[in-house]
Protein backbone atom coordinates (compact mmCIF):
# COMPACT_ATOMS: atom_id res chain seq x y z
CA MET A 1 -4.19 6.06 -0.88
CA LEU A 2 -6.53 8.92 -0.39
CA LYS A 3 -9.99 8.99 0.87
CA LYS A 4 -12.54 7.45 -1.47
CA ARG A 5 -10.67 7.03 -4.55
CA PRO A 6 -11.58 3.93 -6.82
CA ARG A 7 -7.99 2.95 -7.36
CA ALA A 8 -7.32 2.48 -3.77
CA GLN A 9 -10.24 0.47 -3.23
CA SER A 10 -9.22 -1.83 -6.49
CA LEU A 11 -5.76 -2.22 -4.52
CA CYS A 12 -7.13 -3.20 -1.21
CA GLU A 13 -9.80 -5.68 -3.09
CA LEU A 14 -6.47 -7.11 -4.78
CA ALA A 15 -5.35 -8.93 -1.00
CA PRO A 16 -8.45 -11.03 -0.52
CA LEU A 17 -8.44 -12.12 -4.14
CA CYS A 18 -5.19 -13.02 -3.79
CA GLN A 19 -5.39 -15.01 -0.53
CA TYR A 20 -8.73 -16.62 -0.60
CA LYS A 21 -9.03 -17.32 -4.59
CA LEU A 22 -5.64 -17.86 -5.53
CA GLY A 23 -3.64 -19.16 -2.41
CA VAL A 24 -0.62 -16.71 -3.20
CA PRO A 25 0.77 -14.01 -0.94
CA CYS A 26 -0.10 -10.32 -1.59
CA VAL A 27 2.28 -7.55 -0.67
CA LEU A 28 1.55 -3.91 -0.92
CA LEU A 29 4.21 -1.70 -1.72
CA ASN A 30 5.22 1.86 -2.18
CA ALA A 31 2.50 3.13 -0.67
CA THR A 32 1.54 6.42 1.30
CA ILE A 33 -1.45 6.04 3.47
CA TYR A 34 -3.49 8.38 4.96
CA ASN A 35 -7.28 9.52 5.73
CA VAL A 36 -8.69 6.57 4.35
CA GLU A 37 -12.27 5.03 4.86
CA LYS A 38 -12.56 2.56 7.41
CA LYS A 39 -13.58 -0.35 4.77
CA LEU A 40 -10.04 0.42 3.05
CA VAL A 41 -8.39 0.09 6.46
CA GLU A 42 -10.33 -3.14 7.11
CA ASP A 43 -9.65 -4.64 3.57
CA MET A 44 -5.76 -3.78 4.01
CA GLN A 45 -5.83 -6.52 6.82
CA ASN A 46 -5.39 -8.87 4.05
CA TYR A 47 -2.21 -8.02 2.99
CA ASP A 48 0.56 -10.19 4.03
CA LEU A 49 3.11 -7.38 4.10
CA ILE A 50 2.74 -3.77 3.64
CA TYR A 51 5.49 -1.70 3.00
CA VAL A 52 4.94 1.98 2.90
CA ARG A 53 7.20 5.36 1.92
CA ASP A 54 6.87 7.29 4.99
CA SER A 55 6.96 7.17 8.73
CA ALA A 56 3.38 9.03 8.61
CA SER A 57 2.06 6.28 6.78
CA ARG A 58 3.48 3.94 9.19
CA LYS A 59 2.00 5.45 11.93
CA TYR A 60 -1.69 5.81 10.87
CA LEU A 61 -1.85 1.92 9.94
CA GLU A 62 -0.31 1.18 13.44
CA ARG A 63 -2.93 3.75 15.17
CA HIS A 64 -5.35 1.27 12.83
CA GLY A 65 -3.80 -2.02 14.17
CA LEU A 66 -1.82 -2.77 11.29
CA ASN A 67 1.77 -3.26 11.02
CA SER A 68 3.84 -1.83 8.12
CA ASN A 69 7.85 -1.04 7.14
CA VAL A 70 9.16 1.92 5.79
CA VAL A 71 11.11 1.78 2.81
CA PRO A 72 12.43 4.51 0.30
CA GLY A 73 9.96 5.16 -2.52
CA LEU A 74 10.99 2.93 -5.73
CA SER A 75 11.59 6.21 -7.76
CA PHE A 76 14.82 6.60 -5.84
CA LEU A 77 15.74 3.38 -7.42
CA SER A 78 15.25 4.19 -11.16
CA ARG A 79 18.41 6.05 -12.86
CA PRO A 80 17.26 9.06 -15.36
CA THR A 81 16.72 8.71 -18.78
CA PRO A 82 18.98 10.89 -20.79
CA ARG A 83 17.14 13.34 -22.74
CA GLU A 84 16.75 13.82 -26.28
CA ASN A 85 18.08 17.36 -27.73
């Protein structure tokens, strides 16, 4: 999630929607987070769980008072598709 990115902002706006409007948990999964605006960090507090791809992201969030867990990138769980010749 890079600074001033519309997609990152949309993802962060999803958490309060889930929590306050729909009453369902919201999880941020497979994220890499660094150098984000203060507003995005504040919005991330609405996630029930945050899973990041690397320890640098976890440390960044920790410095901003957010808990997260490091998990491998989901791309490592997929199988390559056979190439057609």
